[in-house]
Amino acid sequence: MRAGAECRCEEGQVNRAEAAARSVTATTAKSGLDDSGRFWNAKLAEARGEVVVVILLVPLLLLPAIWNRFPFIYYDTGAYLFEGLTGRFIPERAAVYSLFLRFSGAATSLWIIAILQALMSAFLMTQCARAVAPAMRWPVLLLIGAGLVVTTSVPWYVGEIEPDCFTALLVLALYLLAFHLAALGFWRGIVVATIGALSIAVHPSHLVLAVILFLTLLLLRVTALRPRLIAPGLTFAAGLVLVLAGNYDFTKQIFISRAGAPFLFARMLQDGIVMRLLDETCPRSGYRLCTYKNELPPTADGYLWTPHSPFFALGHFQGTAAESARIVRAALIRYPLLQLGDALNDAVAQFVRFGTGEGFEPQEWVLKPVFTHLVPQQMPAYLSARQQQGMISFHLIKPWETAVGFLALAGLIAMIVLAVRAKQTSRVSLPVFVLAALIGNAIVCGTLSGPHDRYQSRLMWLAPFAVVLCLARQSRIRQ
């Protein structure tokens, strides 16, 4: 009897031990599943969700450049590299972007530049999503990013060694500082302001666009949106200081730009205003250009970039700056209504021109000497890239990106109209600001340089991004 009792006791202990082990195993497994679930369901408002999506967005935004086997190159890239790596000032190229290339390691690898641009883009996209739809989970933002990579221009400019990607970053930075500074907090706010100041400084047109956006914020102060002004104002001031400091570093002189007048002259030439002025005033006006009146190319690009153009014979940007300014001033005074009409036409044309692909053709016939001299160790990769081999085509990409752009514009306008009718304008700060940026960019680029697809294309991806974020927020509110 005693032996039987001891046996049953031992069996009970074994059963209890096995049950305890199963319980521990189940608890551990459940804990692991819970941890995994919490990771995948982490919201952007949580630090780990924020960090993970920023890290994953970087390679996603660089996918086309990775496929290309080298960062994308534009015709201006060589001038920026030359200015940055040799220290010789080029009037038509922004000193700050050239310095950015120098100090960020362009001489070592242009991939460093592309990665930094992708990181800044990913960070601001994430901060915008955190501010507009904080309940969004990070995989959702990653899917949104993938959608933008497939259907918009964003990866083509992020992966390009050119300041074009900073146009959109300027808009996002000023938006966040004006409408969501409290949500950013101190350190995120500092990073956003730093990126914003750099974005303003890397191209002269960005400085003018920033002025238009700040004026937009002033107008919105009387609405229910009530944006902040101090943080965006300080960011603009910092960007202006960077421009002045960059120019001073190269020339030991303080100025904003020495290429504005020639660019505006070229736009007026394309619109026919310059020829009318020369016909009416030469030779008594004394313009040196009177001698070349019958040799002027009909387009702005032909005048500025064709070697046989009188522009080169008269001294390029430096040699023509003073006379270009005189002609521009005289044309503005002489034909104010004509100027206004042409500027409006150019701005409208620029607003609806945003096809991606301008300048992505092979360019080694222009850039090979510069690359060979300044970054010879990168030449094999540069020459083997699909871009230099003529393997990039936008015949299929451009139609759907254009369609997405127009649909997104319609979405922005619809959101604003519906919000005004419902008296809920406080919820549409992002659509309002993005639409203002698109209009402002069209005015700046169309008026100062003439319409080009690239100018609006580099910014157009913000429209679908804003629409999707606002829809995500509305969906969450309805839940």
Foldseek 3Di string as FASTA:
>chain_A
DVVVVVVVVVVVVVVVVVVVVVVVVVVVVVVVVVVVVCQQQPWLLDPSQVVVLLVVQLVLLQVVCVQLLAFFEFLCLLVLCCCLQVLADDQQFQLLLSVVCNVQPVLPGCVSQLSVLSSLVSNLLSLVLCQQPRSHGSVVSSVVSNVLSQQACRSNVSRYSALLLLLQLLLSLLLCQFQPVVSCPDPSNVSSLVSNLSSCRRHVLSLQLLVLLLVVQVVCCVDPQNTDRPSSVVSSVSNQVSRQVSVCSRVVDGDNGLQQLLQLLQLCLLVVLLLVVLVVCPPVVPQPCVVCSVVADNHSCCQQPPCVHVCVVQPHSVRCSVVSVVSVVVSCVVCVPSLVVQLVVLLVVQLLQAFPDPRLAADCVSNVVSCCVRRVVCVVSVCSGCRNVGNDDCPPNRVSNSVVLVVLLVLLVVVCVVCVVVVNNNSNSQSVSLVSSSSSQSSSCSNRRGHDNSSNSSSSSSSVSSSVSSVSNVVVVVD
